[in-house]
PDB file of N, CA and C in Angstrom:
ATOM      1  N   MET A   1     -15.129 -34.220   4.994  1.00  0.00           N
ATOM      2  CA  MET A   1     -14.554 -32.840   5.127  1.00  0.00           C
ATOM      3  C   MET A   1     -15.568 -31.826   4.644  1.00  0.00           C
ATOM      4  N   GLU A   2     -15.811 -30.780   5.335  1.00  0.00           N
ATOM      5  CA  GLU A   2     -16.687 -29.769   4.915  1.00  0.00           C
ATOM      6  C   GLU A   2     -16.003 -28.821   3.827  1.00  0.00           C
ATOM      7  N   ASN A   3     -16.928 -28.374   2.893  1.00  0.00           N
ATOM      8  CA  ASN A   3     -16.427 -27.602   1.843  1.00  0.00           C
ATOM      9  C   ASN A   3     -16.841 -26.163   1.965  1.00  0.00           C
ATOM     10  N   PHE A   4     -16.057 -25.292   2.287  1.00  0.00           N
ATOM     11  CA  PHE A   4     -16.370 -23.770   2.483  1.00  0.00           C
ATOM     12  C   PHE A   4     -16.035 -23.023   1.256  1.00  0.00           C
ATOM     13  N   GLU A   5     -16.962 -22.207   0.813  1.00  0.00           N
ATOM     14  CA  GLU A   5     -16.618 -21.393  -0.319  1.00  0.00           C
ATOM     15  C   GLU A   5     -16.218 -20.027   0.251  1.00  0.00           C
ATOM     16  N   LYS A   6     -15.106 -19.583  -0.360  1.00  0.00           N
ATOM     17  CA  LYS A   6     -14.636 -18.287  -0.056  1.00  0.00           C
ATOM     18  C   LYS A   6     -15.479 -17.186  -0.608  1.00  0.00           C
ATOM     19  N   GLY A   7     -15.924 -16.210   0.255  1.00  0.00           N
ATOM     20  CA  GLY A   7     -16.723 -15.021  -0.190  1.00  0.00           C
ATOM     21  C   GLY A   7     -15.881 -14.140  -1.110  1.00  0.00           C
ATOM     22  N   PRO A   8     -16.471 -13.256  -1.718  1.00  0.00           N
ATOM     23  CA  PRO A   8     -15.849 -12.185  -2.493  1.00  0.00           C
ATOM     24  C   PRO A   8     -14.687 -11.472  -1.743  1.00  0.00           C
ATOM     25  N   GLU A   9     -13.643 -11.150  -2.483  1.00  0.00           N
ATOM     26  CA  GLU A   9     -12.479 -10.393  -1.787  1.00  0.00           C
ATOM     27  C   GLU A   9     -12.949  -9.041  -1.397  1.00  0.00           C
ATOM     28  N   ARG A  10     -12.647  -8.636  -0.161  1.00  0.00           N
ATOM     29  CA  ARG A  10     -12.877  -7.350   0.220  1.00  0.00           C
ATOM     30  C   ARG A  10     -11.974  -6.265  -0.266  1.00  0.00           C
ATOM     31  N   ILE A  11     -12.526  -5.316  -1.026  1.00  0.00           N
ATOM     32  CA  ILE A  11     -11.729  -4.204  -1.515  1.00  0.00           C
ATOM     33  C   ILE A  11     -11.807  -3.077  -0.576  1.00  0.00           C
ATOM     34  N   LEU A  12     -10.552  -2.527  -0.156  1.00  0.00           N
ATOM     35  CA  LEU A  12     -10.580  -1.423   0.772  1.00  0.00           C
ATOM     36  C   LEU A  12     -10.890  -0.121   0.001  1.00  0.00           C
ATOM     37  N   THR A  13     -11.622   0.743   0.812  1.00  0.00           N
ATOM     38  CA  THR A  13     -11.879   2.065   0.163  1.00  0.00           C
ATOM     39  C   THR A  13     -10.605   2.994   0.327  1.00  0.00           C
ATOM     40  N   LYS A  14     -10.624   4.036  -0.460  1.00  0.00           N
ATOM     41  CA  LYS A  14      -9.537   5.063  -0.368  1.00  0.00           C
ATOM     42  C   LYS A  14      -9.484   5.570   1.096  1.00  0.00           C
ATOM     43  N   GLU A  15     -10.661   5.759   1.830  1.00  0.00           N
ATOM     44  CA  GLU A  15     -10.614   6.284   3.075  1.00  0.00           C
ATOM     45  C   GLU A  15      -9.948   5.376   4.091  1.00  0.00           C
ATOM     46  N   GLU A  16     -10.097   4.032   3.930  1.00  0.00           N
ATOM     47  CA  GLU A  16      -9.588   3.035   4.773  1.00  0.00           C
ATOM     48  C   GLU A  16      -7.962   2.982   4.507  1.00  0.00           C
ATOM     49  N   VAL A  17      -7.653   3.045   3.314  1.00  0.00           N
ATOM     50  CA  VAL A  17      -6.215   3.119   2.876  1.00  0.00           C
ATOM     51  C   VAL A  17      -5.509   4.288   3.540  1.00  0.00           C
ATOM     52  N   VAL A  18      -6.121   5.474   3.417  1.00  0.00           N
ATOM     53  CA  VAL A  18      -5.587   6.777   3.864  1.00  0.00           C
ATOM     54  C   VAL A  18      -5.432   6.677   5.383  1.00  0.00           C
ATOM     55  N   GLU A  19      -6.428   6.046   6.090  1.00  0.00           N
ATOM     56  CA  GLU A  19      -6.373   5.910   7.432  1.00  0.00           C
ATOM     57  C   GLU A  19      -5.159   5.147   8.084  1.00  0.00           C
ATOM     58  N   LYS A  20      -4.880   4.063   7.232  1.00  0.00           N
ATOM     59  CA  LYS A  20      -3.757   3.275   7.619  1.00  0.00           C
ATOM     60  C   LYS A  20      -2.492   3.979   7.197  1.00  0.00           C
ATOM     61  N   ILE A  21      -2.337   4.578   6.130  1.00  0.00           N
ATOM     62  CA  ILE A  21      -1.132   5.393   5.760  1.00  0.00           C
ATOM     63  C   ILE A  21      -0.789   6.414   6.837  1.00  0.00           C
ATOM     64  N   LYS A  22      -1.817   7.102   7.335  1.00  0.00           N
ATOM     65  CA  LYS A  22      -1.623   8.096   8.282  1.00  0.00           C
ATOM     66  C   LYS A  22      -0.974   7.646   9.599  1.00  0.00           C
ATOM     67  N   THR A  23      -1.097   6.351   9.887  1.00  0.00           N
ATOM     68  CA  THR A  23      -0.341   5.700  11.052  1.00  0.00           C
ATOM     69  C   THR A  23       1.201   5.732  10.748  1.00  0.00           C
ATOM     70  N   PHE A  24       1.544   5.807   9.537  1.00  0.00           N
ATOM     71  CA  PHE A  24       3.034   6.007   9.317  1.00  0.00           C
ATOM     72  C   PHE A  24       3.557   7.249   8.864  1.00  0.00           C
ATOM     73  N   ALA A  25       2.668   8.109   8.231  1.00  0.00           N
ATOM     74  CA  ALA A  25       3.187   9.333   7.636  1.00  0.00           C
ATOM     75  C   ALA A  25       2.146  10.424   7.864  1.00  0.00           C
ATOM     76  N   GLU A  26       2.581  11.649   8.083  1.00  0.00           N
ATOM     77  CA  GLU A  26       1.791  12.822   8.140  1.00  0.00           C
ATOM     78  C   GLU A  26       2.311  13.850   7.161  1.00  0.00           C
ATOM     79  N   ASN A  27       1.452  14.825   6.825  1.00  0.00           N
ATOM     80  CA  ASN A  27       1.860  15.820   5.938  1.00  0.00           C
ATOM     81  C   ASN A  27       2.503  15.352   4.558  1.00  0.00           C
ATOM     82  N   TYR A  28       1.736  14.384   3.960  1.00  0.00           N
ATOM     83  CA  TYR A  28       2.244  13.903   2.788  1.00  0.00           C
ATOM     84  C   TYR A  28       1.508  14.424   1.638  1.00  0.00           C
ATOM     85  N   GLU A  29       2.078  14.250   0.412  1.00  0.00           N
ATOM     86  CA  GLU A  29       1.362  14.630  -0.857  1.00  0.00           C
ATOM     87  C   GLU A  29       0.971  13.330  -1.638  1.00  0.00           C
ATOM     88  N   ILE A  30      -0.197  13.305  -2.195  1.00  0.00           N
ATOM     89  CA  ILE A  30      -0.652  12.182  -3.004  1.00  0.00           C
ATOM     90  C   ILE A  30       0.061  12.210  -4.246  1.00  0.00           C
ATOM     91  N   ARG A  31       0.696  11.220  -4.544  1.00  0.00           N
ATOM     92  CA  ARG A  31       1.541  11.206  -5.874  1.00  0.00           C
ATOM     93  C   ARG A  31       0.694  10.496  -6.957  1.00  0.00           C
ATOM     94  N   ARG A  32       0.069   9.360  -6.689  1.00  0.00           N
ATOM     95  CA  ARG A  32      -0.628   8.635  -7.750  1.00  0.00           C
ATOM     96  C   ARG A  32      -1.729   7.857  -7.007  1.00  0.00           C
ATOM     97  N   GLU A  33      -2.853   7.742  -7.648  1.00  0.00           N
ATOM     98  CA  GLU A  33      -4.138   7.119  -7.214  1.00  0.00           C
ATOM     99  C   GLU A  33      -4.783   6.498  -8.509  1.00  0.00           C
ATOM    100  N   LEU A  34      -4.798   5.077  -8.353  1.00  0.00           N
ATOM    101  CA  LEU A  34      -5.381   4.322  -9.601  1.00  0.00           C
ATOM    102  C   LEU A  34      -6.448   3.350  -9.049  1.00  0.00           C
ATOM    103  N   SER A  35      -7.540   3.436  -9.868  1.00  0.00           N
ATOM    104  CA  SER A  35      -8.785   2.556  -9.569  1.00  0.00           C
ATOM    105  C   SER A  35      -9.035   1.757 -10.853  1.00  0.00           C
ATOM    106  N   ASP A  36      -9.694   0.641 -10.635  1.00  0.00           N
ATOM    107  CA  ASP A  36     -10.313  -0.102 -11.752  1.00  0.00           C
ATOM    108  C   ASP A  36     -11.792  -0.273 -11.430  1.00  0.00           C
ATOM    109  N   GLU A  37     -12.450  -1.218 -12.147  1.00  0.00           N
ATOM    110  CA  GLU A  37     -13.830  -1.429 -11.852  1.00  0.00           C
ATOM    111  C   GLU A  37     -14.304  -1.944 -10.575  1.00  0.00           C
ATOM    112  N   ASN A  38     -13.143  -2.483  -9.870  1.00  0.00           N
ATOM    113  CA  ASN A  38     -13.317  -3.078  -8.462  1.00  0.00           C
ATOM    114  C   ASN A  38     -12.978  -2.032  -7.393  1.00  0.00           C
ATOM    115  N   GLY A  39     -12.384  -0.967  -7.745  1.00  0.00           N
ATOM    116  CA  GLY A  39     -11.986  -0.014  -6.705  1.00  0.00           C
ATOM    117  C   GLY A  39     -10.491   0.346  -6.725  1.00  0.00           C
ATOM    118  N   LEU A  40     -10.043   0.949  -5.720  1.00  0.00           N
ATOM    119  CA  LEU A  40      -8.650   1.400  -5.537  1.00  0.00           C
ATOM    120  C   LEU A  40      -7.708   0.228  -5.639  1.00  0.00           C
ATOM    121  N   TYR A  41      -6.654   0.320  -6.465  1.00  0.00           N
ATOM    122  CA  TYR A  41      -5.669  -0.723  -6.562  1.00  0.00           C
ATOM    123  C   TYR A  41      -4.205  -0.233  -6.245  1.00  0.00           C
ATOM    124  N   LEU A  42      -4.042   1.024  -6.416  1.00  0.00           N
ATOM    125  CA  LEU A  42      -2.757   1.549  -6.243  1.00  0.00           C
ATOM    126  C   LEU A  42      -2.895   3.074  -5.584  1.00  0.00           C
ATOM    127  N   PHE A  43      -2.241   3.303  -4.479  1.00  0.00           N
ATOM    128  CA  PHE A  43      -2.266   4.651  -3.956  1.00  0.00           C
ATOM    129  C   PHE A  43      -0.757   4.915  -3.361  1.00  0.00           C
ATOM    130  N   GLU A  44      -0.213   6.082  -3.823  1.00  0.00           N
ATOM    131  CA  GLU A  44       1.131   6.458  -3.470  1.00  0.00           C
ATOM    132  C   GLU A  44       1.052   7.825  -2.898  1.00  0.00           C
ATOM    133  N   VAL A  45       1.791   7.996  -1.862  1.00  0.00           N
ATOM    134  CA  VAL A  45       2.017   9.261  -1.225  1.00  0.00           C
ATOM    135  C   VAL A  45       3.595   9.427  -1.015  1.00  0.00           C
ATOM    136  N   THR A  46       3.940  10.712  -0.967  1.00  0.00           N
ATOM    137  CA  THR A  46       5.425  11.045  -0.726  1.00  0.00           C
ATOM    138  C   THR A  46       5.582  12.075   0.354  1.00  0.00           C
ATOM    139  N   LEU A  47       6.622  12.112   0.969  1.00  0.00           N
ATOM    140  CA  LEU A  47       7.002  13.192   2.011  1.00  0.00           C
ATOM    141  C   LEU A  47       8.462  13.164   2.037  1.00  0.00           C
ATOM    142  N   PRO A  48       8.984  14.340   2.597  1.00  0.00           N
ATOM    143  CA  PRO A  48      10.487  14.459   2.794  1.00  0.00           C
ATOM    144  C   PRO A  48      11.009  13.382   3.693  1.00  0.00           C
ATOM    145  N   ASP A  49      12.152  12.887   3.376  1.00  0.00           N
ATOM    146  CA  ASP A  49      12.893  11.874   4.295  1.00  0.00           C
ATOM    147  C   ASP A  49      14.041  12.524   4.962  1.00  0.00           C
ATOM    148  N   PRO A  50      13.860  12.746   6.352  1.00  0.00           N
ATOM    149  CA  PRO A  50      14.904  13.484   7.012  1.00  0.00           C
ATOM    150  C   PRO A  50      16.237  12.759   7.142  1.00  0.00           C
ATOM    151  N   GLU A  51      16.098  11.297   6.891  1.00  0.00           N
ATOM    152  CA  GLU A  51      17.451  10.543   7.093  1.00  0.00           C
ATOM    153  C   GLU A  51      18.209  10.657   5.741  1.00  0.00           C
ATOM    154  N   THR A  52      17.616  10.667   4.572  1.00  0.00           N
ATOM    155  CA  THR A  52      18.359  10.733   3.311  1.00  0.00           C
ATOM    156  C   THR A  52      18.395  12.129   2.775  1.00  0.00           C
ATOM    157  N   GLY A  53      17.461  12.888   3.145  1.00  0.00           N
ATOM    158  CA  GLY A  53      17.404  14.267   2.487  1.00  0.00           C
ATOM    159  C   GLY A  53      16.514  14.181   1.251  1.00  0.00           C
ATOM    160  N   GLY A  54      16.267  13.011   0.827  1.00  0.00           N
ATOM    161  CA  GLY A  54      15.397  12.762  -0.364  1.00  0.00           C
ATOM    162  C   GLY A  54      13.944  12.720  -0.028  1.00  0.00           C
ATOM    163  N   VAL A  55      13.338  11.639  -0.589  1.00  0.00           N
ATOM    164  CA  VAL A  55      11.907  11.394  -0.464  1.00  0.00           C
ATOM    165  C   VAL A  55      11.642  10.036   0.078  1.00  0.00           C
ATOM    166  N   MET A  56      10.552  10.012   0.852  1.00  0.00           N
ATOM    167  CA  MET A  56       9.939   8.714   1.249  1.00  0.00           C
ATOM    168  C   MET A  56       8.683   8.518   0.683  1.00  0.00           C
ATOM    169  N   GLU A  57       8.371   7.325   0.250  1.00  0.00           N
ATOM    170  CA  GLU A  57       7.141   6.933  -0.428  1.00  0.00           C
ATOM    171  C   GLU A  57       6.436   5.967   0.248  1.00  0.00           C
ATOM    172  N   TYR A  58       5.136   5.968   0.535  1.00  0.00           N
ATOM    173  CA  TYR A  58       4.382   4.940   0.854  1.00  0.00           C
ATOM    174  C   TYR A  58       3.423   4.549  -0.271  1.00  0.00           C
ATOM    175  N   MET A  59       3.328   3.263  -0.583  1.00  0.00           N
ATOM    176  CA  MET A  59       2.584   2.761  -1.684  1.00  0.00           C
ATOM    177  C   MET A  59       1.699   1.542  -1.268  1.00  0.00           C
ATOM    178  N   TYR A  60       0.381   1.844  -1.440  1.00  0.00           N
ATOM    179  CA  TYR A  60      -0.605   0.737  -1.260  1.00  0.00           C
ATOM    180  C   TYR A  60      -0.815   0.039  -2.553  1.00  0.00           C
ATOM    181  N   LEU A  61      -0.737  -1.417  -2.389  1.00  0.00           N
ATOM    182  CA  LEU A  61      -1.084  -2.256  -3.566  1.00  0.00           C
ATOM    183  C   LEU A  61      -2.156  -3.198  -3.140  1.00  0.00           C
ATOM    184  N   ARG A  62      -3.219  -3.311  -3.945  1.00  0.00           N
ATOM    185  CA  ARG A  62      -4.270  -4.398  -3.666  1.00  0.00           C
ATOM    186  C   ARG A  62      -3.923  -5.730  -4.324  1.00  0.00           C
ATOM    187  N   LYS A  63      -4.191  -6.740  -3.596  1.00  0.00           N
ATOM    188  CA  LYS A  63      -3.833  -8.099  -3.870  1.00  0.00           C
ATOM    189  C   LYS A  63      -4.465  -8.386  -5.348  1.00  0.00           C
ATOM    190  N   GLY A  64      -3.662  -9.216  -6.044  1.00  0.00           N
ATOM    191  CA  GLY A  64      -4.070  -9.713  -7.407  1.00  0.00           C
ATOM    192  C   GLY A  64      -3.448  -8.877  -8.491  1.00  0.00           C
ATOM    193  N   GLU A  65      -3.861  -9.111  -9.790  1.00  0.00           N
ATOM    194  CA  GLU A  65      -3.288  -8.492 -10.872  1.00  0.00           C
ATOM    195  C   GLU A  65      -4.137  -7.201 -11.271  1.00  0.00           C
ATOM    196  N   ASN A  66      -3.503  -6.067 -11.506  1.00  0.00           N
ATOM    197  CA  ASN A  66      -4.126  -4.887 -11.734  1.00  0.00           C
ATOM    198  C   ASN A  66      -4.093  -4.491 -13.206  1.00  0.00           C
ATOM    199  N   PRO A  67      -4.762  -3.426 -13.734  1.00  0.00           N
ATOM    200  CA  PRO A  67      -4.637  -3.083 -15.117  1.00  0.00           C
ATOM    201  C   PRO A  67      -3.280  -2.734 -15.628  1.00  0.00           C
ATOM    202  N   SER A  68      -2.329  -2.329 -14.642  1.00  0.00           N
ATOM    203  CA  SER A  68      -0.958  -2.004 -15.076  1.00  0.00           C
ATOM    204  C   SER A  68      -0.090  -3.295 -15.187  1.00  0.00           C
ATOM    205  N   LYS A  69      -0.774  -4.514 -15.036  1.00  0.00           N
ATOM    206  CA  LYS A  69      -0.094  -5.845 -15.050  1.00  0.00           C
ATOM    207  C   LYS A  69       0.839  -6.104 -13.911  1.00  0.00           C
ATOM    208  N   ASN A  70       0.761  -5.253 -12.856  1.00  0.00           N
ATOM    209  CA  ASN A  70       1.478  -5.635 -11.647  1.00  0.00           C
ATOM    210  C   ASN A  70       0.753  -6.636 -10.894  1.00  0.00           C
ATOM    211  N   ARG A  71       1.448  -7.541 -10.244  1.00  0.00           N
ATOM    212  CA  ARG A  71       0.752  -8.590  -9.526  1.00  0.00           C
ATOM    213  C   ARG A  71       1.407  -8.741  -8.131  1.00  0.00           C
ATOM    214  N   THR A  72       0.463  -8.902  -7.030  1.00  0.00           N
ATOM    215  CA  THR A  72       0.870  -9.106  -5.775  1.00  0.00           C
ATOM    216  C   THR A  72       0.073 -10.103  -5.117  1.00  0.00           C
ATOM    217  N   SER A  73       0.599 -10.935  -4.175  1.00  0.00           N
ATOM    218  CA  SER A  73      -0.169 -11.993  -3.596  1.00  0.00           C
ATOM    219  C   SER A  73      -0.903 -11.528  -2.361  1.00  0.00           C
ATOM    220  N   GLU A  74      -0.727 -10.384  -1.821  1.00  0.00           N
ATOM    221  CA  GLU A  74      -1.477  -9.797  -0.810  1.00  0.00           C
ATOM    222  C   GLU A  74      -1.554  -8.381  -0.854  1.00  0.00           C
ATOM    223  N   THR A  75      -2.548  -7.797  -0.113  1.00  0.00           N
ATOM    224  CA  THR A  75      -2.828  -6.296  -0.104  1.00  0.00           C
ATOM    225  C   THR A  75      -1.756  -5.727   0.856  1.00  0.00           C
ATOM    226  N   THR A  76      -0.925  -4.937   0.514  1.00  0.00           N
ATOM    227  CA  THR A  76       0.224  -4.349   1.300  1.00  0.00           C
ATOM    228  C   THR A  76       0.421  -2.776   1.255  1.00  0.00           C
ATOM    229  N   ILE A  77       1.212  -2.407   2.133  1.00  0.00           N
ATOM    230  CA  ILE A  77       1.730  -1.029   2.067  1.00  0.00           C
ATOM    231  C   ILE A  77       3.189  -1.228   2.112  1.00  0.00           C
ATOM    232  N   TYR A  78       3.921  -0.542   1.177  1.00  0.00           N
ATOM    233  CA  TYR A  78       5.379  -0.547   1.081  1.00  0.00           C
ATOM    234  C   TYR A  78       5.879   0.836   1.455  1.00  0.00           C
ATOM    235  N   LYS A  79       7.075   0.839   2.088  1.00  0.00           N
ATOM    236  CA  LYS A  79       7.748   2.231   2.266  1.00  0.00           C
ATOM    237  C   LYS A  79       9.017   2.084   1.514  1.00  0.00           C
ATOM    238  N   ASN A  80       9.171   3.138   0.633  1.00  0.00           N
ATOM    239  CA  ASN A  80      10.358   3.203  -0.214  1.00  0.00           C
ATOM    240  C   ASN A  80      11.026   4.490   0.116  1.00  0.00           C
ATOM    241  N   LYS A  81      12.436   4.419   0.072  1.00  0.00           N
ATOM    242  CA  LYS A  81      13.195   5.692   0.280  1.00  0.00           C
ATOM    243  C   LYS A  81      14.096   6.065  -0.943  1.00  0.00           C
ATOM    244  N   PHE A  82      14.199   7.172  -1.165  1.00  0.00           N
ATOM    245  CA  PHE A  82      14.999   7.637  -2.369  1.00  0.00           C
ATOM    246  C   PHE A  82      15.943   8.787  -1.982  1.00  0.00           C
ATOM    247  N   ASP A  83      17.163   8.852  -2.509  1.00  0.00           N
ATOM    248  CA  ASP A  83      18.109   9.869  -2.120  1.00  0.00           C
ATOM    249  C   ASP A  83      17.841  11.131  -2.792  1.00  0.00           C
ATOM    250  N   LEU A  84      18.625  12.130  -2.717  1.00  0.00           N
ATOM    251  CA  LEU A  84      18.435  13.460  -3.462  1.00  0.00           C
ATOM    252  C   LEU A  84      18.287  13.403  -5.002  1.00  0.00           C
ATOM    253  N   ASP A  85      18.933  12.401  -5.567  1.00  0.00           N
ATOM    254  CA  ASP A  85      18.996  12.209  -6.936  1.00  0.00           C
ATOM    255  C   ASP A  85      17.743  11.391  -7.473  1.00  0.00           C
ATOM    256  N   GLY A  86      17.024  10.960  -6.536  1.00  0.00           N
ATOM    257  CA  GLY A  86      15.862  10.046  -6.831  1.00  0.00           C
ATOM    258  C   GLY A  86      16.183   8.571  -6.911  1.00  0.00           C
ATOM    259  N   MET A  87      17.346   8.192  -6.603  1.00  0.00           N
ATOM    260  CA  MET A  87      17.677   6.884  -6.675  1.00  0.00           C
ATOM    261  C   MET A  87      17.205   6.104  -5.499  1.00  0.00           C
ATOM    262  N   PRO A  88      16.643   4.890  -5.648  1.00  0.00           N
ATOM    263  CA  PRO A  88      16.221   4.123  -4.324  1.00  0.00           C
ATOM    264  C   PRO A  88      17.339   3.729  -3.578  1.00  0.00           C
ATOM    265  N   VAL A  89      17.067   3.954  -2.241  1.00  0.00           N
ATOM    266  CA  VAL A  89      18.030   3.536  -1.369  1.00  0.00           C
ATOM    267  C   VAL A  89      17.625   2.600  -0.133  1.00  0.00           C
ATOM    268  N   GLY A  90      16.510   2.047  -0.386  1.00  0.00           N
ATOM    269  CA  GLY A  90      15.852   1.143   0.599  1.00  0.00           C
ATOM    270  C   GLY A  90      14.382   1.157   0.524  1.00  0.00           C
ATOM    271  N   GLY A  91      13.846  -0.036   1.119  1.00  0.00           N
ATOM    272  CA  GLY A  91      12.362  -0.238   1.078  1.00  0.00           C
ATOM    273  C   GLY A  91      11.895  -1.433   1.852  1.00  0.00           C
ATOM    274  N   ASP A  92      10.793  -1.313   2.355  1.00  0.00           N
ATOM    275  CA  ASP A  92      10.341  -2.477   3.162  1.00  0.00           C
ATOM    276  C   ASP A  92       8.684  -2.488   2.992  1.00  0.00           C
ATOM    277  N   ASN A  93       8.228  -3.701   3.263  1.00  0.00           N
ATOM    278  CA  ASN A  93       6.825  -3.896   3.418  1.00  0.00           C
ATOM    279  C   ASN A  93       6.468  -3.578   4.854  1.00  0.00           C
ATOM    280  N   VAL A  94       5.568  -2.605   4.992  1.00  0.00           N
ATOM    281  CA  VAL A  94       5.412  -2.150   6.401  1.00  0.00           C
ATOM    282  C   VAL A  94       4.056  -2.523   7.024  1.00  0.00           C
ATOM    283  N   ALA A  95       3.012  -3.107   6.119  1.00  0.00           N
ATOM    284  CA  ALA A  95       1.845  -3.543   6.614  1.00  0.00           C
ATOM    285  C   ALA A  95       1.287  -4.461   5.552  1.00  0.00           C
ATOM    286  N   SER A  96       0.550  -5.483   6.010  1.00  0.00           N
ATOM    287  CA  SER A  96      -0.276  -6.360   5.175  1.00  0.00           C
ATOM    288  C   SER A  96      -1.673  -6.510   5.645  1.00  0.00           C
ATOM    289  N   TYR A  97      -2.568  -6.599   4.822  1.00  0.00           N
ATOM    290  CA  TYR A  97      -3.973  -6.619   5.142  1.00  0.00           C
ATOM    291  C   TYR A  97      -4.414  -8.081   5.282  1.00  0.00           C
ATOM    292  N   ASP A  98      -5.002  -8.409   6.427  1.00  0.00           N
ATOM    293  CA  ASP A  98      -5.349  -9.822   6.706  1.00  0.00           C
ATOM    294  C   ASP A  98      -6.865  -9.954   6.394  1.00  0.00           C
ATOM    295  N   GLU A  99      -7.241 -10.682   5.334  1.00  0.00           N
ATOM    296  CA  GLU A  99      -8.618 -10.857   4.846  1.00  0.00           C
ATOM    297  C   GLU A  99      -9.386 -11.498   5.958  1.00  0.00           C
ATOM    298  N   ALA A 100      -8.771 -12.491   6.542  1.00  0.00           N
ATOM    299  CA  ALA A 100      -9.559 -13.425   7.516  1.00  0.00           C
ATOM    300  C   ALA A 100     -10.024 -12.505   8.718  1.00  0.00           C
ATOM    301  N   THR A 101      -9.209 -11.591   9.221  1.00  0.00           N
ATOM    302  CA  THR A 101      -9.641 -10.811  10.307  1.00  0.00           C
ATOM    303  C   THR A 101     -10.151  -9.467   9.910  1.00  0.00           C
ATOM    304  N   GLY A 102      -9.909  -9.053   8.663  1.00  0.00           N
ATOM    305  CA  GLY A 102     -10.340  -7.753   8.296  1.00  0.00           C
ATOM    306  C   GLY A 102      -9.545  -6.540   8.804  1.00  0.00           C
ATOM    307  N   SER A 103      -8.306  -6.833   9.235  1.00  0.00           N
ATOM    308  CA  SER A 103      -7.519  -5.781   9.756  1.00  0.00           C
ATOM    309  C   SER A 103      -6.062  -5.792   9.284  1.00  0.00           C
ATOM    310  N   TRP A 104      -5.391  -4.779   9.555  1.00  0.00           N
ATOM    311  CA  TRP A 104      -3.967  -4.612   9.021  1.00  0.00           C
ATOM    312  C   TRP A 104      -2.934  -5.190  10.083  1.00  0.00           C
ATOM    313  N   LYS A 105      -1.894  -5.789   9.571  1.00  0.00           N
ATOM    314  CA  LYS A 105      -0.840  -6.290  10.512  1.00  0.00           C
ATOM    315  C   LYS A 105       0.378  -5.504  10.157  1.00  0.00           C
ATOM    316  N   ASP A 106       0.918  -4.775  11.162  1.00  0.00           N
ATOM    317  CA  ASP A 106       2.112  -4.070  10.862  1.00  0.00           C
ATOM    318  C   ASP A 106       3.244  -5.028  10.963  1.00  0.00           C
ATOM    319  N   ILE A 107       4.213  -4.739  10.048  1.00  0.00           N
ATOM    320  CA  ILE A 107       5.464  -5.593   9.863  1.00  0.00           C
ATOM    321  C   ILE A 107       6.639  -4.738  10.316  1.00  0.00           C
ATOM    322  N   VAL A 108       7.292  -5.170  11.448  1.00  0.00           N
ATOM    323  CA  VAL A 108       8.355  -4.443  11.959  1.00  0.00           C
ATOM    324  C   VAL A 108       9.704  -4.965  11.576  1.00  0.00           C
TER     325      VAL A 108
END
């Protein structure tokens, strides 16, 4: 059996993350952007949610453990919804980054 070494993990740039988020949301405000020595690991944007009257948030998380001690097994974008009081009312993983293909997979 052949032994293949995995190359270094690909860290997406802010521009690549923003490009993907724009496929889900327009006219958003950047809420939080955090990086470490490897690059961007968390990026959050918010916009009004017409369904709840509250806020919708899209949150990018890079695979692995970050300095905030959050840990995720894959690079993803989550969509979270909050009501007028700021209480969460729903959320879903909307996209995952496939390292093998170098592309995003939308989750419906």
